[in-house]
Amino acid sequence: MDNDAADQSLRRSDTSRRVVALRERLLRAGISMAYLAPDQVNDPTVFDDHVDAAVRTFQQNRGLMVDGVAGPETLRALGEAQYNLGDRPMFWQQGIDHTRGDDVSELQRQLSYLGFYYGHIDGEFGQRTHLAVRELQQNLGLEPSGVADAPLIGAMARVNRSISPSQAFSLRDYERLNQASAALKGRVVCLTAGSGTSFQSPVADKASGRPLTEKLVASDVMRRVESILSGLGAEVTVVAAEPEKATDNRVQLIRQASPSLSISINCDSLDQPLANGVSAFYWGKPETGEIRSPIGHRAAELILKEVLARTTATDLGIHGRSWDILRLTSIPSIQLDIGYLSNPDEAARLADPVFRQILADAIVIAIQRLYLLEEDDEPTGTLALDDVLRFNPEL
């Protein structure tokens, strides 16, 4: 099937001229496999088993959903993997799309090691990266153009300054976190519910009697979290996650809200009905274990611990991922998967509004703990919503 004029995703058995370009991009991204190069096969336009394996390997390496489909997120990541630092000049200009790529990530990493960049290493050459480049150029005696060109990259290679690379880019975020009030009043929190999956459980919702779906469960938990946070004086922005609303749109809506934290609440489903448990995800690199968003990591850790302390759910851990919804928001973002609707026992718990309220309480308490000073923090599972009022005295 030739998908050139239809769906832009590429998958096994597709025949398209774009498969040739896909093969070449996978090779340039460092994926080396037999019969992947166009000149090694009779018909390079066919998305065969070798291309499928190469796409899955790339997705695994990048922390993407491993499905073998070269969809929008995988193709975007492939595009970013085509460049090494020094391959092209990079610059920022207001009103035009930002340059993205592995070369930008490497530039941000080196700037952070030198103490000039304190944002998230997201591979996007935005205004913050532009200002960091200008500041470094001034310190090196170069023209402060803000353009990451060959003279700057060469000068950076000659700089010999010792600074610990351990999350140096997050120092400013941590300082802002430590100096901020513990109160939730005035904080902006962005909430989104569900990834748009259509799985329908045979278990009925106890409140409405309707079949249990991710949209019903995740949205209900989200609205409960929204209600509590709003009552505590926080500003809550809700971003819909309907199937037709692409990840790009959700990312832009989150960025426009300028929140201090973004939380996506999801449900899982698998063909294997025994699968169960809760997990949380943050912006990180699974292949190296590098934490790209330390505050996101801390928020994921706190939320998962509070949920586990209040329920009998199985602990599936916290994990770094490169998903766009975590990486491109440019603020601490997490995804919380609250259970498997395909598991009858877990679906029965999620069908209970009382259980969903417990989940919402746990999320809010974890958010409060994120902003507490170390001496004010309490052990996991010991704070109640009434205790949260102590840190919000104006209510």
Protein backbone atom coordinates (compact mmCIF):
# COMPACT_ATOMS: atom_id res chain seq x y z
CA MET A 1 0.00 0.00 0.00
CA ASP A 2 1.35 3.44 -0.92
CA ASN A 3 0.65 5.85 1.93
CA ASP A 4 2.23 8.90 0.30
CA ALA A 5 -1.07 10.74 -0.07
CA ALA A 6 -2.84 9.37 2.99
CA ASP A 7 -1.71 8.67 6.55
CA GLN A 8 1.80 10.03 7.04
CA SER A 9 2.71 7.17 9.41
CA LEU A 10 4.70 4.28 7.99
CA ARG A 11 4.33 0.68 9.17
CA ARG A 12 5.12 -2.91 8.23
CA SER A 13 4.06 -3.92 4.67
CA ASP A 14 3.70 -0.30 3.48
CA THR A 15 5.22 0.51 0.11
CA SER A 16 6.26 4.11 -0.32
CA ARG A 17 9.11 6.24 -1.61
CA ARG A 18 9.28 7.64 1.91
CA VAL A 19 10.44 4.24 3.20
CA VAL A 20 13.72 4.82 1.34
CA ALA A 21 14.20 8.09 3.24
CA LEU A 22 13.22 6.32 6.47
CA ARG A 23 15.94 3.71 5.91
CA GLU A 24 18.54 6.43 5.35
CA ARG A 25 17.45 8.38 8.43
CA LEU A 26 17.64 5.29 10.62
CA LEU A 27 21.18 4.66 9.40
CA ARG A 28 22.21 8.28 10.09
CA ALA A 29 20.68 7.95 13.55
CA GLY A 30 23.14 5.16 14.31
CA ILE A 31 20.87 2.16 13.75
CA SER A 32 23.02 -0.42 12.00
CA MET A 33 21.29 -3.58 10.80
CA ALA A 34 21.66 -5.97 7.90
CA TYR A 35 19.41 -5.26 4.92
CA LEU A 36 18.49 -1.80 6.19
CA ALA A 37 20.50 0.26 3.70
CA PRO A 38 18.56 0.91 0.47
CA ASP A 39 21.32 -0.62 -1.66
CA GLN A 40 21.16 -3.92 0.28
CA VAL A 41 17.63 -4.91 -0.76
CA ASN A 42 15.83 -5.48 -4.03
CA ASP A 43 13.03 -3.01 -3.28
CA PRO A 44 13.96 -0.34 -0.71
CA THR A 45 10.46 1.17 -0.89
CA VAL A 46 9.03 -1.79 1.09
CA PHE A 47 8.64 -1.46 4.88
CA ASP A 48 9.89 -4.99 5.59
CA ASP A 49 10.84 -6.89 8.75
CA HIS A 50 14.30 -5.28 8.80
CA VAL A 51 12.87 -1.75 8.77
CA ASP A 52 10.36 -2.76 11.44
CA ALA A 53 13.17 -4.07 13.67
CA ALA A 54 15.23 -0.92 13.08
CA VAL A 55 12.30 1.35 13.98
CA ARG A 56 11.66 -0.64 17.16
CA THR A 57 15.34 -0.44 18.12
CA PHE A 58 15.34 3.32 17.59
CA GLN A 59 12.14 3.72 19.63
CA GLN A 60 13.59 1.61 22.44
CA ASN A 61 16.80 3.66 22.47
CA ARG A 62 14.86 6.92 22.60
CA GLY A 63 12.37 5.92 25.28
CA LEU A 64 9.45 6.11 22.85
CA MET A 65 6.47 3.79 22.61
CA VAL A 66 7.84 0.65 20.94
CA ASP A 67 5.29 -0.32 18.29
CA GLY A 68 7.33 -0.45 15.07
CA VAL A 69 5.23 2.35 13.55
CA ALA A 70 7.05 5.40 12.21
CA GLY A 71 4.38 7.82 13.41
CA PRO A 72 4.66 11.58 14.08
CA GLU A 73 6.58 11.29 17.37
CA THR A 74 9.04 8.71 16.02
CA LEU A 75 9.57 10.67 12.80
CA ARG A 76 10.17 13.85 14.80
CA ALA A 77 12.74 12.08 16.98
CA LEU A 78 14.39 10.66 13.85
CA GLY A 79 14.62 14.15 12.40
CA GLU A 80 16.30 15.38 15.57
CA ALA A 81 18.77 12.49 15.47
CA GLN A 82 20.19 13.55 12.10
CA TYR A 83 22.46 16.27 13.49
CA ASN A 84 25.65 16.26 15.58
CA LEU A 85 26.98 19.38 17.25
CA GLY A 86 28.77 21.43 14.61
CA ASP A 87 26.82 20.11 11.63
CA ARG A 88 24.89 23.38 11.26
CA PRO A 89 24.65 26.84 12.83
CA MET A 90 21.80 27.20 15.31
CA PHE A 91 19.92 30.35 16.23
CA TRP A 92 16.69 31.63 17.73
CA GLN A 93 14.35 34.13 16.12
CA GLN A 94 11.05 35.18 17.60
CA GLY A 95 8.05 34.12 15.58
CA ILE A 96 9.62 31.19 13.73
CA ASP A 97 9.76 27.51 14.63
CA HIS A 98 12.59 26.62 16.97
CA THR A 99 15.49 24.50 15.74
CA ARG A 100 15.35 21.02 17.27
CA GLY A 101 17.86 18.21 17.26
CA ASP A 102 20.44 16.13 19.07
CA ASP A 103 22.96 18.87 18.31
CA VAL A 104 20.82 21.32 20.30
CA SER A 105 20.66 18.85 23.20
CA GLU A 106 24.44 18.49 23.18
CA LEU A 107 24.87 22.27 23.06
CA GLN A 108 22.52 22.68 26.02
CA ARG A 109 24.37 19.97 27.92
CA GLN A 110 27.74 21.65 27.39
CA LEU A 111 26.32 25.06 28.28
CA SER A 112 24.89 23.60 31.48
CA TYR A 113 28.21 22.03 32.43
CA LEU A 114 29.82 25.45 32.03
CA GLY A 115 27.16 27.07 34.19
CA PHE A 116 25.45 29.17 31.51
CA TYR A 117 22.27 27.18 30.90
CA TYR A 118 19.80 26.20 33.62
CA GLY A 119 16.77 25.07 31.65
CA HIS A 120 15.65 21.60 30.67
CA ILE A 121 17.77 19.83 28.08
CA ASP A 122 14.92 19.45 25.63
CA GLY A 123 16.75 19.70 22.30
CA GLU A 124 14.92 22.91 21.38
CA PHE A 125 16.86 26.09 20.59
CA GLY A 126 14.53 28.58 22.25
CA GLN A 127 15.07 31.97 23.82
CA ARG A 128 16.64 30.57 26.98
CA THR A 129 19.28 28.71 24.94
CA HIS A 130 19.82 31.82 22.81
CA LEU A 131 20.51 33.95 25.90
CA ALA A 132 22.88 31.31 27.31
CA VAL A 133 24.84 31.28 24.04
CA ARG A 134 25.08 35.08 24.05
CA GLU A 135 26.33 35.11 27.63
CA LEU A 136 28.97 32.49 26.86
CA GLN A 137 30.08 34.39 23.75
CA GLN A 138 30.53 37.53 25.83
CA ASN A 139 32.62 35.62 28.36
CA LEU A 140 34.78 34.14 25.60
CA GLY A 141 35.33 37.48 23.87
CA LEU A 142 33.26 36.51 20.84
CA GLU A 143 30.59 38.59 19.15
CA PRO A 144 27.43 38.05 21.27
CA SER A 145 25.23 37.12 18.32
CA GLY A 146 23.40 34.29 20.06
CA VAL A 147 24.19 32.06 17.07
CA ALA A 148 25.81 28.73 17.90
CA ASP A 149 28.28 28.65 15.02
CA ALA A 150 31.67 27.08 14.34
CA PRO A 151 33.74 29.73 16.23
CA LEU A 152 31.64 29.26 19.37
CA ILE A 153 31.69 25.46 19.24
CA GLY A 154 35.44 25.48 18.68
CA ALA A 155 35.93 27.85 21.61
CA MET A 156 33.75 25.66 23.83
CA ALA A 157 35.91 22.66 22.99
CA ARG A 158 38.96 24.57 24.22
CA VAL A 159 37.39 25.69 27.47
CA ASN A 160 38.76 23.74 30.40
CA ARG A 161 36.53 24.39 33.35
CA SER A 162 35.62 21.78 35.92
CA ILE A 163 32.00 21.68 36.94
CA SER A 164 29.98 18.68 38.02
CA PRO A 165 27.59 17.66 35.25
CA SER A 166 25.23 16.16 37.82
CA GLN A 167 21.99 17.94 36.94
CA ALA A 168 23.75 21.32 36.71
CA PHE A 169 21.04 22.53 34.35
CA SER A 170 18.45 22.29 37.13
CA LEU A 171 20.18 24.50 39.71
CA ARG A 172 18.04 27.55 38.99
CA ASP A 173 14.85 25.50 39.12
CA TYR A 174 15.86 24.07 42.49
CA GLU A 175 16.73 27.51 43.82
CA ARG A 176 13.34 28.84 42.73
CA LEU A 177 11.67 25.82 44.35
CA ASN A 178 13.52 26.34 47.64
CA GLN A 179 12.78 30.06 47.81
CA ALA A 180 9.09 29.74 47.01
CA SER A 181 6.36 29.67 49.63
CA ALA A 182 4.95 26.27 50.57
CA ALA A 183 1.43 27.59 49.96
CA LEU A 184 -0.40 26.36 46.88
CA LYS A 185 -2.29 29.63 46.46
CA GLY A 186 -1.40 31.28 43.16
CA ARG A 187 0.53 28.30 41.81
CA VAL A 188 -0.40 27.29 38.28
CA VAL A 189 -0.90 23.56 37.75
CA CYS A 190 -1.84 22.01 34.42
CA LEU A 191 -3.90 18.81 34.37
CA THR A 192 -4.75 16.52 31.48
CA ALA A 193 -6.62 13.22 31.58
CA GLY A 194 -6.31 10.20 29.35
CA SER A 195 -4.31 9.52 26.23
CA GLY A 196 -7.46 9.10 24.18
CA THR A 197 -7.54 5.28 24.13
CA SER A 198 -10.94 3.73 23.43
CA PHE A 199 -10.67 0.56 25.56
CA GLN A 200 -13.96 -0.23 27.29
CA SER A 201 -14.05 -2.46 30.37
CA PRO A 202 -16.97 -4.84 31.00
CA VAL A 203 -16.99 -3.44 34.55
CA ALA A 204 -19.58 -0.68 35.09
CA ASP A 205 -18.88 2.58 36.87
CA LYS A 206 -20.50 2.48 40.32
CA ALA A 207 -21.63 6.10 40.16
CA SER A 208 -23.11 6.33 36.65
CA GLY A 209 -23.59 2.70 35.62
CA ARG A 210 -21.80 3.42 32.35
CA PRO A 211 -19.10 1.09 30.97
CA LEU A 212 -15.70 1.95 32.43
CA THR A 213 -13.37 3.80 30.04
CA GLU A 214 -10.12 5.67 30.45
CA LYS A 215 -11.86 8.95 29.69
CA LEU A 216 -14.44 8.38 32.43
CA VAL A 217 -11.96 7.27 35.12
CA ALA A 218 -9.03 9.60 34.38
CA SER A 219 -11.28 12.62 33.86
CA ASP A 220 -13.07 11.98 37.15
CA VAL A 221 -9.79 11.75 39.08
CA MET A 222 -8.55 14.88 37.30
CA ARG A 223 -11.69 16.86 38.19
CA ARG A 224 -11.36 15.81 41.82
CA VAL A 225 -7.74 16.99 41.86
CA GLU A 226 -8.82 20.23 40.17
CA SER A 227 -11.53 20.81 42.77
CA ILE A 228 -9.16 20.35 45.72
CA LEU A 229 -6.38 22.48 44.22
CA SER A 230 -8.79 25.26 43.30
CA GLY A 231 -10.14 25.22 46.84
CA LEU A 232 -6.58 25.70 48.08
CA GLY A 233 -6.16 28.76 45.87
CA ALA A 234 -4.16 27.21 43.04
CA GLU A 235 -4.81 28.17 39.42
CA VAL A 236 -5.67 25.00 37.51
CA THR A 237 -5.60 24.73 33.72
CA VAL A 238 -7.27 21.66 32.22
CA VAL A 239 -6.06 20.50 28.80
CA ALA A 240 -8.25 17.99 26.97
CA ALA A 241 -6.60 14.85 25.60
CA GLU A 242 -9.10 13.75 22.99
CA PRO A 243 -7.93 11.39 20.21
CA GLU A 244 -8.22 14.16 17.63
CA LYS A 245 -6.12 16.56 19.71
CA ALA A 246 -2.54 15.82 18.70
CA THR A 247 0.26 15.78 21.25
CA ASP A 248 1.69 18.91 19.61
CA ASN A 249 -1.50 20.81 20.40
CA ARG A 250 -1.55 19.64 24.01
CA VAL A 251 2.11 20.62 24.44
CA GLN A 252 1.40 24.11 23.10
CA LEU A 253 -1.62 24.55 25.38
CA ILE A 254 0.43 23.49 28.40
CA ARG A 255 3.24 25.88 27.50
CA GLN A 256 0.80 28.74 27.03
CA ALA A 257 -0.51 28.20 30.57
CA SER A 258 3.05 28.60 31.98
CA PRO A 259 2.40 26.20 34.87
CA SER A 260 4.90 25.24 37.54
CA LEU A 261 3.85 21.60 37.14
CA SER A 262 1.99 19.51 34.55
CA ILE A 263 0.33 16.18 35.40
CA SER A 264 -1.25 13.78 32.92
CA ILE A 265 -3.50 11.11 34.47
CA ASN A 266 -3.91 7.95 32.38
CA CYS A 267 -5.25 4.40 32.53
CA ASP A 268 -3.61 1.39 30.88
CA SER A 269 -5.01 -1.65 29.09
CA LEU A 270 -3.37 -4.76 27.67
CA ASP A 271 -4.47 -8.01 26.06
CA GLN A 272 -3.00 -9.73 29.14
CA PRO A 273 -5.69 -9.39 31.86
CA LEU A 274 -3.22 -10.13 34.69
CA ALA A 275 -1.29 -6.90 34.06
CA ASN A 276 -1.82 -4.50 36.96
CA GLY A 277 -0.20 -1.70 38.93
CA VAL A 278 0.53 2.02 38.97
CA SER A 279 3.53 3.84 37.53
CA ALA A 280 4.77 7.37 36.95
CA PHE A 281 6.93 8.86 34.20
CA TYR A 282 9.11 11.96 33.91
CA TRP A 283 11.44 13.49 31.30
CA GLY A 284 14.55 11.33 31.32
CA LYS A 285 16.73 9.10 29.16
CA PRO A 286 16.01 5.41 29.81
CA GLU A 287 19.07 4.22 27.88
CA THR A 288 21.46 6.13 30.17
CA GLY A 289 19.39 6.65 33.31
CA GLU A 290 19.94 10.41 32.98
CA ILE A 291 17.31 12.53 34.74
CA ARG A 292 16.56 15.46 32.44
CA SER A 293 13.90 16.99 34.73
CA PRO A 294 14.92 16.53 38.38
CA ILE A 295 11.82 18.32 39.70
CA GLY A 296 9.64 16.19 37.42
CA HIS A 297 11.46 13.14 38.79
CA ARG A 298 10.80 14.28 42.36
CA ALA A 299 7.12 14.95 41.64
CA ALA A 300 6.70 11.52 40.01
CA GLU A 301 8.39 9.89 42.99
CA LEU A 302 6.22 11.68 45.55
CA ILE A 303 2.94 11.05 43.73
CA LEU A 304 3.63 7.36 43.23
CA LYS A 305 4.68 6.92 46.87
CA GLU A 306 1.57 8.67 48.18
CA VAL A 307 -0.70 6.56 45.94
CA LEU A 308 0.99 3.33 47.04
CA ALA A 309 0.79 4.31 50.72
CA ARG A 310 -2.99 4.73 50.47
CA THR A 311 -3.91 1.78 48.25
CA THR A 312 -3.01 -1.87 47.66
CA ALA A 313 -1.85 -1.15 44.10
CA THR A 314 1.24 -2.87 42.70
CA ASP A 315 4.30 -0.63 42.44
CA LEU A 316 5.49 -0.49 38.82
CA GLY A 317 8.01 2.25 39.61
CA ILE A 318 8.96 5.62 38.13
CA HIS A 319 10.63 5.79 34.74
CA GLY A 320 12.34 8.35 32.55
CA ARG A 321 10.86 8.68 29.08
CA SER A 322 11.37 10.92 26.05
CA TRP A 323 7.68 11.33 25.22
CA ASP A 324 6.83 14.74 23.78
CA ILE A 325 4.24 15.39 26.50
CA LEU A 326 7.08 15.17 29.06
CA ARG A 327 9.96 16.61 27.04
CA LEU A 328 8.61 19.53 25.03
CA THR A 329 6.53 21.29 27.69
CA SER A 330 9.72 22.92 29.09
CA ILE A 331 8.38 22.62 32.66
CA PRO A 332 8.36 19.71 35.15
CA SER A 333 5.86 17.25 33.67
CA ILE A 334 4.79 13.79 34.72
CA GLN A 335 2.43 11.10 33.52
CA LEU A 336 0.68 9.00 36.16
CA ASP A 337 -0.79 5.66 35.05
CA ILE A 338 -3.34 4.77 37.74
CA GLY A 339 -4.13 1.18 36.74
CA TYR A 340 -5.16 -1.32 34.08
CA LEU A 341 -8.78 -1.31 32.98
CA SER A 342 -8.10 -4.68 31.34
CA ASN A 343 -7.54 -6.24 34.79
CA PRO A 344 -10.96 -7.12 36.33
CA ASP A 345 -9.87 -6.52 39.93
CA GLU A 346 -8.17 -3.23 39.14
CA ALA A 347 -11.10 -2.10 37.02
CA ALA A 348 -13.45 -2.83 39.93
CA ARG A 349 -11.38 -0.55 42.19
CA LEU A 350 -11.22 2.21 39.57
CA ALA A 351 -15.01 1.95 39.14
CA ASP A 352 -15.48 3.06 42.75
CA PRO A 353 -15.72 6.87 43.24
CA VAL A 354 -14.36 6.44 46.78
CA PHE A 355 -11.18 4.89 45.41
CA ARG A 356 -10.87 7.66 42.81
CA GLN A 357 -11.13 10.23 45.61
CA ILE A 358 -8.29 8.47 47.43
CA LEU A 359 -6.17 8.79 44.28
CA ALA A 360 -7.02 12.49 43.97
CA ASP A 361 -6.16 13.13 47.63
CA ALA A 362 -2.81 11.36 47.19
CA ILE A 363 -1.94 13.47 44.14
CA VAL A 364 -2.74 16.75 45.90
CA ILE A 365 -0.80 15.78 49.03
CA ALA A 366 2.20 14.87 46.87
CA ILE A 367 2.01 18.24 45.10
CA GLN A 368 2.00 19.96 48.49
CA ARG A 369 5.02 17.93 49.63
CA LEU A 370 6.89 18.97 46.48
CA TYR A 371 6.87 22.57 47.71
CA LEU A 372 7.66 21.90 51.38
CA LEU A 373 11.06 22.62 52.87
CA GLU A 374 12.85 19.51 54.05
CA GLU A 375 12.29 20.35 57.72
CA ASP A 376 8.52 20.73 57.12
CA ASP A 377 8.06 17.54 55.13
CA GLU A 378 6.34 14.51 56.61
CA PRO A 379 6.83 10.77 56.00
CA THR A 380 4.97 9.29 53.04
CA GLY A 381 1.37 8.40 53.81
CA THR A 382 1.10 10.45 57.02
CA LEU A 383 -0.26 13.75 55.68
CA ALA A 384 -4.00 14.21 55.23
CA LEU A 385 -5.85 16.92 53.34
CA ASP A 386 -6.56 18.65 56.66
CA ASP A 387 -2.79 18.87 57.22
CA VAL A 388 -2.40 20.62 53.87
CA LEU A 389 -4.40 23.52 55.30
CA ARG A 390 -1.51 24.20 57.71
CA PHE A 391 0.62 25.23 54.76
CA ASN A 392 -2.14 27.35 53.27
CA PRO A 393 -3.05 29.60 56.23
CA GLU A 394 -4.91 32.24 54.21
CA LEU A 395 -7.78 29.86 53.42
